[in-house]
Amino acid sequence: MIEIFRHHDNATVGHLQNLLESEGIKTYYRNEYVSTAAIAVQEFTPALCILNDADLDRGVELIRNYIEALRDEPVAEITCPECGESSPGTFATCWNCGAALVDEPNPHAVPD
């Protein structure tokens, strides 16, 4: 078992675990529930481990590609057709008035 990724946010670690598992890489989520502690201790930060050493290179590549794609993907602002307020391009509804920002469902939309 090799630790491959560590982050203070459970959702980030869990998402990457799902990414690797969907590619057939067996993982273990260590320290899953400790991020709720009042004091952050590096040794107890949520961590993702790969169980099979042979999957290490592929796992690192998948995580690296995912993180780089997030950095490279621009998030445009959308102007609400109802109130004229700007919202991030990942929103499906206006944060100000709740109106739909697009006619078609946005696959990158963050649920309200």
PDB file of N, CA and C in Angstrom:
ATOM      1  N   MET A   1       0.857  -1.174   0.000  1.00  0.00           N
ATOM      2  CA  MET A   1       0.000   0.000   0.000  1.00  0.00           C
ATOM      3  C   MET A   1       0.903   1.236   0.000  1.00  0.00           C
ATOM      4  N   ILE A   2       0.607   2.153  -0.941  1.00  0.00           N
ATOM      5  CA  ILE A   2       1.415   3.357  -1.090  1.00  0.00           C
ATOM      6  C   ILE A   2       0.496   4.573  -1.062  1.00  0.00           C
ATOM      7  N   GLU A   3       0.829   5.539  -0.200  1.00  0.00           N
ATOM      8  CA  GLU A   3       0.060   6.778  -0.181  1.00  0.00           C
ATOM      9  C   GLU A   3       0.366   7.562  -1.451  1.00  0.00           C
ATOM     10  N   ILE A   4      -0.704   8.017  -2.119  1.00  0.00           N
ATOM     11  CA  ILE A   4      -0.531   8.699  -3.396  1.00  0.00           C
ATOM     12  C   ILE A   4      -0.998  10.145  -3.353  1.00  0.00           C
ATOM     13  N   PHE A   5      -1.927  10.466  -2.459  1.00  0.00           N
ATOM     14  CA  PHE A   5      -2.489  11.813  -2.428  1.00  0.00           C
ATOM     15  C   PHE A   5      -2.981  12.109  -1.024  1.00  0.00           C
ATOM     16  N   ARG A   6      -2.741  13.356  -0.585  1.00  0.00           N
ATOM     17  CA  ARG A   6      -3.177  13.792   0.744  1.00  0.00           C
ATOM     18  C   ARG A   6      -3.762  15.189   0.604  1.00  0.00           C
ATOM     19  N   HIS A   7      -4.915  15.410   1.242  1.00  0.00           N
ATOM     20  CA  HIS A   7      -5.570  16.718   1.173  1.00  0.00           C
ATOM     21  C   HIS A   7      -6.473  16.878   2.383  1.00  0.00           C
ATOM     22  N   HIS A   8      -6.626  18.113   2.851  1.00  0.00           N
ATOM     23  CA  HIS A   8      -7.451  18.365   4.041  1.00  0.00           C
ATOM     24  C   HIS A   8      -8.943  18.219   3.776  1.00  0.00           C
ATOM     25  N   ASP A   9      -9.349  18.230   2.504  1.00  0.00           N
ATOM     26  CA  ASP A   9     -10.765  18.168   2.143  1.00  0.00           C
ATOM     27  C   ASP A   9     -11.182  16.744   1.794  1.00  0.00           C
ATOM     28  N   ASN A  10     -12.105  16.193   2.586  1.00  0.00           N
ATOM     29  CA  ASN A  10     -12.593  14.824   2.349  1.00  0.00           C
ATOM     30  C   ASN A  10     -13.162  14.652   0.944  1.00  0.00           C
ATOM     31  N   ALA A  11     -13.903  15.649   0.465  1.00  0.00           N
ATOM     32  CA  ALA A  11     -14.549  15.533  -0.835  1.00  0.00           C
ATOM     33  C   ALA A  11     -13.526  15.382  -1.957  1.00  0.00           C
ATOM     34  N   THR A  12     -12.429  16.104  -1.870  1.00  0.00           N
ATOM     35  CA  THR A  12     -11.384  16.010  -2.895  1.00  0.00           C
ATOM     36  C   THR A  12     -10.768  14.620  -2.907  1.00  0.00           C
ATOM     37  N   VAL A  13     -10.433  14.117  -1.737  1.00  0.00           N
ATOM     38  CA  VAL A  13      -9.831  12.786  -1.649  1.00  0.00           C
ATOM     39  C   VAL A  13     -10.830  11.727  -2.108  1.00  0.00           C
ATOM     40  N   GLY A  14     -12.083  11.850  -1.687  1.00  0.00           N
ATOM     41  CA  GLY A  14     -13.111  10.896  -2.092  1.00  0.00           C
ATOM     42  C   GLY A  14     -13.356  10.911  -3.596  1.00  0.00           C
ATOM     43  N   HIS A  15     -13.342  12.098  -4.184  1.00  0.00           N
ATOM     44  CA  HIS A  15     -13.538  12.203  -5.628  1.00  0.00           C
ATOM     45  C   HIS A  15     -12.406  11.507  -6.379  1.00  0.00           C
ATOM     46  N   LEU A  16     -11.180  11.727  -5.935  1.00  0.00           N
ATOM     47  CA  LEU A  16     -10.042  11.078  -6.592  1.00  0.00           C
ATOM     48  C   LEU A  16     -10.061   9.570  -6.369  1.00  0.00           C
ATOM     49  N   GLN A  17     -10.552   9.142  -5.218  1.00  0.00           N
ATOM     50  CA  GLN A  17     -10.694   7.712  -4.986  1.00  0.00           C
ATOM     51  C   GLN A  17     -11.677   7.119  -6.001  1.00  0.00           C
ATOM     52  N   ASN A  18     -12.796   7.790  -6.211  1.00  0.00           N
ATOM     53  CA  ASN A  18     -13.769   7.315  -7.199  1.00  0.00           C
ATOM     54  C   ASN A  18     -13.166   7.284  -8.606  1.00  0.00           C
ATOM     55  N   LEU A  19     -12.365   8.294  -8.935  1.00  0.00           N
ATOM     56  CA  LEU A  19     -11.711   8.344 -10.239  1.00  0.00           C
ATOM     57  C   LEU A  19     -10.819   7.118 -10.439  1.00  0.00           C
ATOM     58  N   LEU A  20      -9.980   6.823  -9.450  1.00  0.00           N
ATOM     59  CA  LEU A  20      -9.070   5.682  -9.570  1.00  0.00           C
ATOM     60  C   LEU A  20      -9.824   4.357  -9.582  1.00  0.00           C
ATOM     61  N   GLU A  21     -10.806   4.233  -8.693  1.00  0.00           N
ATOM     62  CA  GLU A  21     -11.579   2.989  -8.618  1.00  0.00           C
ATOM     63  C   GLU A  21     -12.320   2.735  -9.929  1.00  0.00           C
ATOM     64  N   SER A  22     -12.813   3.803 -10.576  1.00  0.00           N
ATOM     65  CA  SER A  22     -13.521   3.634 -11.854  1.00  0.00           C
ATOM     66  C   SER A  22     -12.583   3.154 -12.959  1.00  0.00           C
ATOM     67  N   GLU A  23     -11.288   3.352 -12.763  1.00  0.00           N
ATOM     68  CA  GLU A  23     -10.284   2.886 -13.722  1.00  0.00           C
ATOM     69  C   GLU A  23      -9.695   1.530 -13.318  1.00  0.00           C
ATOM     70  N   GLY A  24     -10.299   0.894 -12.319  1.00  0.00           N
ATOM     71  CA  GLY A  24      -9.869  -0.441 -11.905  1.00  0.00           C
ATOM     72  C   GLY A  24      -8.700  -0.465 -10.943  1.00  0.00           C
ATOM     73  N   ILE A  25      -8.358   0.677 -10.360  1.00  0.00           N
ATOM     74  CA  ILE A  25      -7.252   0.743  -9.402  1.00  0.00           C
ATOM     75  C   ILE A  25      -7.834   0.662  -7.993  1.00  0.00           C
ATOM     76  N   LYS A  26      -7.461  -0.371  -7.266  1.00  0.00           N
ATOM     77  CA  LYS A  26      -7.955  -0.570  -5.897  1.00  0.00           C
ATOM     78  C   LYS A  26      -7.268   0.417  -4.958  1.00  0.00           C
ATOM     79  N   THR A  27      -8.071   1.067  -4.107  1.00  0.00           N
ATOM     80  CA  THR A  27      -7.537   2.095  -3.215  1.00  0.00           C
ATOM     81  C   THR A  27      -7.997   1.874  -1.784  1.00  0.00           C
ATOM     82  N   TYR A  28      -7.381   2.624  -0.896  1.00  0.00           N
ATOM     83  CA  TYR A  28      -7.770   2.664   0.506  1.00  0.00           C
ATOM     84  C   TYR A  28      -7.770   4.127   0.933  1.00  0.00           C
ATOM     85  N   TYR A  29      -8.842   4.553   1.568  1.00  0.00           N
ATOM     86  CA  TYR A  29      -8.997   5.936   2.035  1.00  0.00           C
ATOM     87  C   TYR A  29      -8.630   5.961   3.517  1.00  0.00           C
ATOM     88  N   ARG A  30      -7.466   6.514   3.813  1.00  0.00           N
ATOM     89  CA  ARG A  30      -6.967   6.552   5.185  1.00  0.00           C
ATOM     90  C   ARG A  30      -7.323   7.895   5.828  1.00  0.00           C
ATOM     91  N   ASN A  31      -7.669   7.867   7.095  1.00  0.00           N
ATOM     92  CA  ASN A  31      -8.002   9.066   7.879  1.00  0.00           C
ATOM     93  C   ASN A  31      -9.218   9.805   7.314  1.00  0.00           C
ATOM     94  N   GLU A  32     -10.196   9.064   6.857  1.00  0.00           N
ATOM     95  CA  GLU A  32     -11.360   9.650   6.201  1.00  0.00           C
ATOM     96  C   GLU A  32     -12.124  10.617   7.098  1.00  0.00           C
ATOM     97  N   TYR A  33     -12.209  10.350   8.372  1.00  0.00           N
ATOM     98  CA  TYR A  33     -13.062  11.145   9.252  1.00  0.00           C
ATOM     99  C   TYR A  33     -12.317  12.125  10.145  1.00  0.00           C
ATOM    100  N   VAL A  34     -11.011  12.245   9.996  1.00  0.00           N
ATOM    101  CA  VAL A  34     -10.264  13.117  10.897  1.00  0.00           C
ATOM    102  C   VAL A  34     -10.251  14.578  10.485  1.00  0.00           C
ATOM    103  N   SER A  35     -10.659  14.906   9.268  1.00  0.00           N
ATOM    104  CA  SER A  35     -10.608  16.301   8.842  1.00  0.00           C
ATOM    105  C   SER A  35     -11.626  17.158   9.587  1.00  0.00           C
ATOM    106  N   THR A  36     -12.518  16.526  10.328  1.00  0.00           N
ATOM    107  CA  THR A  36     -13.488  17.281  11.110  1.00  0.00           C
ATOM    108  C   THR A  36     -12.903  17.718  12.453  1.00  0.00           C
ATOM    109  N   ALA A  37     -11.675  17.311  12.745  1.00  0.00           N
ATOM    110  CA  ALA A  37     -11.031  17.699  13.993  1.00  0.00           C
ATOM    111  C   ALA A  37     -10.753  19.208  14.001  1.00  0.00           C
ATOM    112  N   ALA A  38     -10.766  19.790  15.183  1.00  0.00           N
ATOM    113  CA  ALA A  38     -10.571  21.233  15.318  1.00  0.00           C
ATOM    114  C   ALA A  38      -9.143  21.665  14.985  1.00  0.00           C
ATOM    115  N   ILE A  39      -8.172  20.788  15.239  1.00  0.00           N
ATOM    116  CA  ILE A  39      -6.769  21.114  14.988  1.00  0.00           C
ATOM    117  C   ILE A  39      -6.245  20.211  13.877  1.00  0.00           C
ATOM    118  N   ALA A  40      -5.733  20.818  12.817  1.00  0.00           N
ATOM    119  CA  ALA A  40      -5.196  20.043  11.694  1.00  0.00           C
ATOM    120  C   ALA A  40      -3.818  19.505  12.051  1.00  0.00           C
ATOM    121  N   VAL A  41      -3.635  18.210  11.896  1.00  0.00           N
ATOM    122  CA  VAL A  41      -2.358  17.553  12.134  1.00  0.00           C
ATOM    123  C   VAL A  41      -1.993  16.819  10.850  1.00  0.00           C
ATOM    124  N   GLN A  42      -0.864  17.170  10.239  1.00  0.00           N
ATOM    125  CA  GLN A  42      -0.469  16.636   8.941  1.00  0.00           C
ATOM    126  C   GLN A  42      -0.507  15.112   8.895  1.00  0.00           C
ATOM    127  N   GLU A  43      -0.085  14.441   9.947  1.00  0.00           N
ATOM    128  CA  GLU A  43      -0.046  12.984   9.955  1.00  0.00           C
ATOM    129  C   GLU A  43      -1.431  12.367   9.873  1.00  0.00           C
ATOM    130  N   PHE A  44      -2.460  13.149  10.206  1.00  0.00           N
ATOM    131  CA  PHE A  44      -3.820  12.631  10.216  1.00  0.00           C
ATOM    132  C   PHE A  44      -4.708  13.270   9.155  1.00  0.00           C
ATOM    133  N   THR A  45      -4.103  13.851   8.141  1.00  0.00           N
ATOM    134  CA  THR A  45      -4.847  14.426   7.031  1.00  0.00           C
ATOM    135  C   THR A  45      -5.424  13.291   6.187  1.00  0.00           C
ATOM    136  N   PRO A  46      -6.654  13.429   5.669  1.00  0.00           N
ATOM    137  CA  PRO A  46      -7.197  12.397   4.794  1.00  0.00           C
ATOM    138  C   PRO A  46      -6.229  12.088   3.650  1.00  0.00           C
ATOM    139  N   ALA A  47      -6.037  10.802   3.395  1.00  0.00           N
ATOM    140  CA  ALA A  47      -5.059  10.373   2.392  1.00  0.00           C
ATOM    141  C   ALA A  47      -5.619   9.235   1.557  1.00  0.00           C
ATOM    142  N   LEU A  48      -5.211   9.197   0.311  1.00  0.00           N
ATOM    143  CA  LEU A  48      -5.605   8.137  -0.606  1.00  0.00           C
ATOM    144  C   LEU A  48      -4.392   7.257  -0.874  1.00  0.00           C
ATOM    145  N   CYS A  49      -4.583   5.965  -0.712  1.00  0.00           N
ATOM    146  CA  CYS A  49      -3.499   5.007  -0.924  1.00  0.00           C
ATOM    147  C   CYS A  49      -3.888   4.046  -2.036  1.00  0.00           C
ATOM    148  N   ILE A  50      -2.898   3.588  -2.773  1.00  0.00           N
ATOM    149  CA  ILE A  50      -3.084   2.566  -3.799  1.00  0.00           C
ATOM    150  C   ILE A  50      -2.645   1.243  -3.190  1.00  0.00           C
ATOM    151  N   LEU A  51      -3.494   0.234  -3.334  1.00  0.00           N
ATOM    152  CA  LEU A  51      -3.206  -1.053  -2.708  1.00  0.00           C
ATOM    153  C   LEU A  51      -2.187  -1.883  -3.475  1.00  0.00           C
ATOM    154  N   ASN A  52      -2.199  -1.826  -4.794  1.00  0.00           N
ATOM    155  CA  ASN A  52      -1.300  -2.631  -5.609  1.00  0.00           C
ATOM    156  C   ASN A  52      -0.170  -1.737  -6.134  1.00  0.00           C
ATOM    157  N   ASP A  53       1.049  -2.028  -5.743  1.00  0.00           N
ATOM    158  CA  ASP A  53       2.199  -1.223  -6.166  1.00  0.00           C
ATOM    159  C   ASP A  53       2.309  -1.098  -7.690  1.00  0.00           C
ATOM    160  N   ALA A  54       1.845  -2.100  -8.419  1.00  0.00           N
ATOM    161  CA  ALA A  54       1.934  -2.073  -9.882  1.00  0.00           C
ATOM    162  C   ALA A  54       1.045  -0.993 -10.496  1.00  0.00           C
ATOM    163  N   ASP A  55       0.044  -0.517  -9.749  1.00  0.00           N
ATOM    164  CA  ASP A  55      -0.863   0.526 -10.239  1.00  0.00           C
ATOM    165  C   ASP A  55      -0.380   1.938  -9.932  1.00  0.00           C
ATOM    166  N   LEU A  56       0.756   2.071  -9.268  1.00  0.00           N
ATOM    167  CA  LEU A  56       1.228   3.377  -8.822  1.00  0.00           C
ATOM    168  C   LEU A  56       1.406   4.374  -9.964  1.00  0.00           C
ATOM    169  N   ASP A  57       2.153   4.020 -10.989  1.00  0.00           N
ATOM    170  CA  ASP A  57       2.416   4.966 -12.074  1.00  0.00           C
ATOM    171  C   ASP A  57       1.138   5.413 -12.770  1.00  0.00           C
ATOM    172  N   ARG A  58       0.240   4.480 -13.018  1.00  0.00           N
ATOM    173  CA  ARG A  58      -1.020   4.826 -13.678  1.00  0.00           C
ATOM    174  C   ARG A  58      -1.888   5.700 -12.772  1.00  0.00           C
ATOM    175  N   GLY A  59      -1.900   5.410 -11.485  1.00  0.00           N
ATOM    176  CA  GLY A  59      -2.662   6.220 -10.538  1.00  0.00           C
ATOM    177  C   GLY A  59      -2.144   7.643 -10.448  1.00  0.00           C
ATOM    178  N   VAL A  60      -0.831   7.794 -10.388  1.00  0.00           N
ATOM    179  CA  VAL A  60      -0.222   9.122 -10.348  1.00  0.00           C
ATOM    180  C   VAL A  60      -0.572   9.889 -11.619  1.00  0.00           C
ATOM    181  N   GLU A  61      -0.486   9.216 -12.758  1.00  0.00           N
ATOM    182  CA  GLU A  61      -0.804   9.869 -14.030  1.00  0.00           C
ATOM    183  C   GLU A  61      -2.265  10.306 -14.088  1.00  0.00           C
ATOM    184  N   LEU A  62      -3.186   9.477 -13.627  1.00  0.00           N
ATOM    185  CA  LEU A  62      -4.607   9.837 -13.632  1.00  0.00           C
ATOM    186  C   LEU A  62      -4.873  11.059 -12.761  1.00  0.00           C
ATOM    187  N   ILE A  63      -4.305  11.079 -11.564  1.00  0.00           N
ATOM    188  CA  ILE A  63      -4.506  12.212 -10.659  1.00  0.00           C
ATOM    189  C   ILE A  63      -3.858  13.466 -11.231  1.00  0.00           C
ATOM    190  N   ARG A  64      -2.654  13.354 -11.729  1.00  0.00           N
ATOM    191  CA  ARG A  64      -1.961  14.500 -12.318  1.00  0.00           C
ATOM    192  C   ARG A  64      -2.763  15.074 -13.488  1.00  0.00           C
ATOM    193  N   ASN A  65      -3.230  14.224 -14.387  1.00  0.00           N
ATOM    194  CA  ASN A  65      -4.020  14.690 -15.533  1.00  0.00           C
ATOM    195  C   ASN A  65      -5.315  15.361 -15.091  1.00  0.00           C
ATOM    196  N   TYR A  66      -5.962  14.819 -14.080  1.00  0.00           N
ATOM    197  CA  TYR A  66      -7.205  15.395 -13.585  1.00  0.00           C
ATOM    198  C   TYR A  66      -6.963  16.794 -13.012  1.00  0.00           C
ATOM    199  N   ILE A  67      -5.944  16.938 -12.186  1.00  0.00           N
ATOM    200  CA  ILE A  67      -5.641  18.227 -11.567  1.00  0.00           C
ATOM    201  C   ILE A  67      -5.211  19.250 -12.610  1.00  0.00           C
ATOM    202  N   GLU A  68      -4.400  18.844 -13.569  1.00  0.00           N
ATOM    203  CA  GLU A  68      -3.981  19.763 -14.634  1.00  0.00           C
ATOM    204  C   GLU A  68      -5.165  20.201 -15.492  1.00  0.00           C
ATOM    205  N   ALA A  69      -6.088  19.302 -15.768  1.00  0.00           N
ATOM    206  CA  ALA A  69      -7.277  19.660 -16.555  1.00  0.00           C
ATOM    207  C   ALA A  69      -8.120  20.698 -15.815  1.00  0.00           C
ATOM    208  N   LEU A  70      -8.207  20.580 -14.498  1.00  0.00           N
ATOM    209  CA  LEU A  70      -8.957  21.573 -13.715  1.00  0.00           C
ATOM    210  C   LEU A  70      -8.298  22.946 -13.791  1.00  0.00           C
ATOM    211  N   ARG A  71      -6.994  22.983 -13.737  1.00  0.00           N
ATOM    212  CA  ARG A  71      -6.260  24.248 -13.808  1.00  0.00           C
ATOM    213  C   ARG A  71      -6.396  24.900 -15.176  1.00  0.00           C
ATOM    214  N   ASP A  72      -6.425  24.078 -16.228  1.00  0.00           N
ATOM    215  CA  ASP A  72      -6.465  24.591 -17.588  1.00  0.00           C
ATOM    216  C   ASP A  72      -7.857  25.005 -18.048  1.00  0.00           C
ATOM    217  N   GLU A  73      -8.894  24.497 -17.364  1.00  0.00           N
ATOM    218  CA  GLU A  73     -10.267  24.747 -17.793  1.00  0.00           C
ATOM    219  C   GLU A  73     -10.734  26.116 -17.298  1.00  0.00           C
ATOM    220  N   PRO A  74     -10.934  27.053 -18.211  1.00  0.00           N
ATOM    221  CA  PRO A  74     -11.397  28.371 -17.772  1.00  0.00           C
ATOM    222  C   PRO A  74     -12.868  28.318 -17.351  1.00  0.00           C
ATOM    223  N   VAL A  75     -13.192  29.105 -16.357  1.00  0.00           N
ATOM    224  CA  VAL A  75     -14.573  29.201 -15.907  1.00  0.00           C
ATOM    225  C   VAL A  75     -15.066  30.593 -16.270  1.00  0.00           C
ATOM    226  N   ALA A  76     -15.890  30.649 -17.304  1.00  0.00           N
ATOM    227  CA  ALA A  76     -16.408  31.927 -17.774  1.00  0.00           C
ATOM    228  C   ALA A  76     -17.558  32.399 -16.887  1.00  0.00           C
ATOM    229  N   GLU A  77     -17.750  33.678 -16.867  1.00  0.00           N
ATOM    230  CA  GLU A  77     -18.887  34.263 -16.165  1.00  0.00           C
ATOM    231  C   GLU A  77     -20.100  34.232 -17.091  1.00  0.00           C
ATOM    232  N   ILE A  78     -21.273  34.020 -16.523  1.00  0.00           N
ATOM    233  CA  ILE A  78     -22.522  34.039 -17.273  1.00  0.00           C
ATOM    234  C   ILE A  78     -23.374  35.173 -16.723  1.00  0.00           C
ATOM    235  N   THR A  79     -23.959  35.949 -17.619  1.00  0.00           N
ATOM    236  CA  THR A  79     -24.846  37.032 -17.202  1.00  0.00           C
ATOM    237  C   THR A  79     -26.277  36.499 -17.174  1.00  0.00           C
ATOM    238  N   CYS A  80     -26.942  36.701 -16.066  1.00  0.00           N
ATOM    239  CA  CYS A  80     -28.310  36.230 -15.894  1.00  0.00           C
ATOM    240  C   CYS A  80     -29.246  36.996 -16.836  1.00  0.00           C
ATOM    241  N   PRO A  81     -30.090  36.272 -17.587  1.00  0.00           N
ATOM    242  CA  PRO A  81     -31.015  36.942 -18.493  1.00  0.00           C
ATOM    243  C   PRO A  81     -32.142  37.669 -17.760  1.00  0.00           C
ATOM    244  N   GLU A  82     -32.369  37.330 -16.489  1.00  0.00           N
ATOM    245  CA  GLU A  82     -33.456  37.942 -15.725  1.00  0.00           C
ATOM    246  C   GLU A  82     -33.023  39.201 -14.986  1.00  0.00           C
ATOM    247  N   CYS A  83     -31.924  39.093 -14.219  1.00  0.00           N
ATOM    248  CA  CYS A  83     -31.538  40.221 -13.366  1.00  0.00           C
ATOM    249  C   CYS A  83     -30.246  40.907 -13.806  1.00  0.00           C
ATOM    250  N   GLY A  84     -29.501  40.289 -14.746  1.00  0.00           N
ATOM    251  CA  GLY A  84     -28.277  40.901 -15.238  1.00  0.00           C
ATOM    252  C   GLY A  84     -27.057  40.671 -14.362  1.00  0.00           C
ATOM    253  N   GLU A  85     -27.175  39.911 -13.290  1.00  0.00           N
ATOM    254  CA  GLU A  85     -26.057  39.636 -12.384  1.00  0.00           C
ATOM    255  C   GLU A  85     -25.127  38.592 -13.006  1.00  0.00           C
ATOM    256  N   SER A  86     -23.830  38.700 -12.710  1.00  0.00           N
ATOM    257  CA  SER A  86     -22.861  37.721 -13.196  1.00  0.00           C
ATOM    258  C   SER A  86     -22.758  36.557 -12.220  1.00  0.00           C
ATOM    259  N   SER A  87     -22.650  35.352 -12.774  1.00  0.00           N
ATOM    260  CA  SER A  87     -22.470  34.136 -11.987  1.00  0.00           C
ATOM    261  C   SER A  87     -21.355  33.320 -12.625  1.00  0.00           C
ATOM    262  N   PRO A  88     -20.668  32.464 -11.855  1.00  0.00           N
ATOM    263  CA  PRO A  88     -19.653  31.588 -12.443  1.00  0.00           C
ATOM    264  C   PRO A  88     -20.275  30.692 -13.503  1.00  0.00           C
ATOM    265  N   GLY A  89     -19.498  30.357 -14.517  1.00  0.00           N
ATOM    266  CA  GLY A  89     -19.970  29.530 -15.609  1.00  0.00           C
ATOM    267  C   GLY A  89     -20.358  28.125 -15.211  1.00  0.00           C
ATOM    268  N   THR A  90     -19.997  27.699 -14.017  1.00  0.00           N
ATOM    269  CA  THR A  90     -20.368  26.365 -13.557  1.00  0.00           C
ATOM    270  C   THR A  90     -21.746  26.328 -12.918  1.00  0.00           C
ATOM    271  N   PHE A  91     -22.377  27.493 -12.732  1.00  0.00           N
ATOM    272  CA  PHE A  91     -23.699  27.548 -12.108  1.00  0.00           C
ATOM    273  C   PHE A  91     -24.785  27.305 -13.150  1.00  0.00           C
ATOM    274  N   ALA A  92     -25.811  26.563 -12.782  1.00  0.00           N
ATOM    275  CA  ALA A  92     -26.956  26.339 -13.663  1.00  0.00           C
ATOM    276  C   ALA A  92     -28.043  27.372 -13.416  1.00  0.00           C
ATOM    277  N   THR A  93     -28.036  27.951 -12.210  1.00  0.00           N
ATOM    278  CA  THR A  93     -29.015  28.976 -11.862  1.00  0.00           C
ATOM    279  C   THR A  93     -28.305  30.197 -11.300  1.00  0.00           C
ATOM    280  N   CYS A  94     -28.931  31.343 -11.441  1.00  0.00           N
ATOM    281  CA  CYS A  94     -28.362  32.595 -10.949  1.00  0.00           C
ATOM    282  C   CYS A  94     -28.302  32.576  -9.421  1.00  0.00           C
ATOM    283  N   TRP A  95     -27.176  32.968  -8.874  1.00  0.00           N
ATOM    284  CA  TRP A  95     -27.027  33.001  -7.418  1.00  0.00           C
ATOM    285  C   TRP A  95     -27.888  34.105  -6.816  1.00  0.00           C
ATOM    286  N   ASN A  96     -28.201  35.118  -7.603  1.00  0.00           N
ATOM    287  CA  ASN A  96     -28.928  36.279  -7.098  1.00  0.00           C
ATOM    288  C   ASN A  96     -30.444  36.078  -7.118  1.00  0.00           C
ATOM    289  N   CYS A  97     -30.997  35.628  -8.262  1.00  0.00           N
ATOM    290  CA  CYS A  97     -32.455  35.536  -8.377  1.00  0.00           C
ATOM    291  C   CYS A  97     -32.971  34.118  -8.588  1.00  0.00           C
ATOM    292  N   GLY A  98     -32.082  33.163  -8.855  1.00  0.00           N
ATOM    293  CA  GLY A  98     -32.501  31.771  -9.030  1.00  0.00           C
ATOM    294  C   GLY A  98     -32.973  31.417 -10.426  1.00  0.00           C
ATOM    295  N   ALA A  99     -32.896  32.344 -11.367  1.00  0.00           N
ATOM    296  CA  ALA A  99     -33.328  32.073 -12.742  1.00  0.00           C
ATOM    297  C   ALA A  99     -32.340  31.120 -13.421  1.00  0.00           C
ATOM    298  N   ALA A 100     -32.859  30.332 -14.362  1.00  0.00           N
ATOM    299  CA  ALA A 100     -32.001  29.430 -15.135  1.00  0.00           C
ATOM    300  C   ALA A 100     -31.036  30.256 -15.975  1.00  0.00           C
ATOM    301  N   LEU A 101     -29.763  29.858 -15.979  1.00  0.00           N
ATOM    302  CA  LEU A 101     -28.751  30.588 -16.740  1.00  0.00           C
ATOM    303  C   LEU A 101     -28.577  30.039 -18.145  1.00  0.00           C
ATOM    304  N   VAL A 102     -28.945  28.787 -18.346  1.00  0.00           N
ATOM    305  CA  VAL A 102     -28.811  28.170 -19.657  1.00  0.00           C
ATOM    306  C   VAL A 102     -30.064  27.365 -19.957  1.00  0.00           C
ATOM    307  N   ASP A 103     -30.356  27.183 -21.234  1.00  0.00           N
ATOM    308  CA  ASP A 103     -31.521  26.401 -21.632  1.00  0.00           C
ATOM    309  C   ASP A 103     -31.286  24.907 -21.487  1.00  0.00           C
ATOM    310  N   GLU A 104     -30.030  24.478 -21.697  1.00  0.00           N
ATOM    311  CA  GLU A 104     -29.690  23.067 -21.627  1.00  0.00           C
ATOM    312  C   GLU A 104     -28.961  22.792 -20.321  1.00  0.00           C
ATOM    313  N   PRO A 105     -29.079  21.575 -19.777  1.00  0.00           N
ATOM    314  CA  PRO A 105     -28.356  21.256 -18.545  1.00  0.00           C
ATOM    315  C   PRO A 105     -26.854  21.374 -18.745  1.00  0.00           C
ATOM    316  N   ASN A 106     -26.178  21.991 -17.776  1.00  0.00           N
ATOM    317  CA  ASN A 106     -24.736  22.149 -17.810  1.00  0.00           C
ATOM    318  C   ASN A 106     -24.099  20.946 -17.118  1.00  0.00           C
ATOM    319  N   PRO A 107     -23.278  20.134 -17.823  1.00  0.00           N
ATOM    320  CA  PRO A 107     -22.682  18.963 -17.197  1.00  0.00           C
ATOM    321  C   PRO A 107     -21.703  19.317 -16.090  1.00  0.00           C
ATOM    322  N   HIS A 108     -21.232  20.554 -16.039  1.00  0.00           N
ATOM    323  CA  HIS A 108     -20.284  20.984 -15.016  1.00  0.00           C
ATOM    324  C   HIS A 108     -20.954  21.800 -13.924  1.00  0.00           C
ATOM    325  N   ALA A 109     -22.278  21.864 -13.941  1.00  0.00           N
ATOM    326  CA  ALA A 109     -22.999  22.713 -12.997  1.00  0.00           C
ATOM    327  C   ALA A 109     -22.854  22.189 -11.579  1.00  0.00           C
ATOM    328  N   VAL A 110     -22.692  23.114 -10.662  1.00  0.00           N
ATOM    329  CA  VAL A 110     -22.625  22.800  -9.242  1.00  0.00           C
ATOM    330  C   VAL A 110     -24.049  22.880  -8.688  1.00  0.00           C
ATOM    331  N   PRO A 111     -24.524  21.827  -8.011  1.00  0.00           N
ATOM    332  CA  PRO A 111     -25.882  21.867  -7.475  1.00  0.00           C
ATOM    333  C   PRO A 111     -26.019  22.981  -6.448  1.00  0.00           C
ATOM    334  N   ASP A 112     -27.185  23.570  -6.398  1.00  0.00           N
ATOM    335  CA  ASP A 112     -27.437  24.653  -5.435  1.00  0.00           C
ATOM    336  C   ASP A 112     -27.550  24.111  -4.036  1.00  0.00           C
TER     337      ASP A 112
END
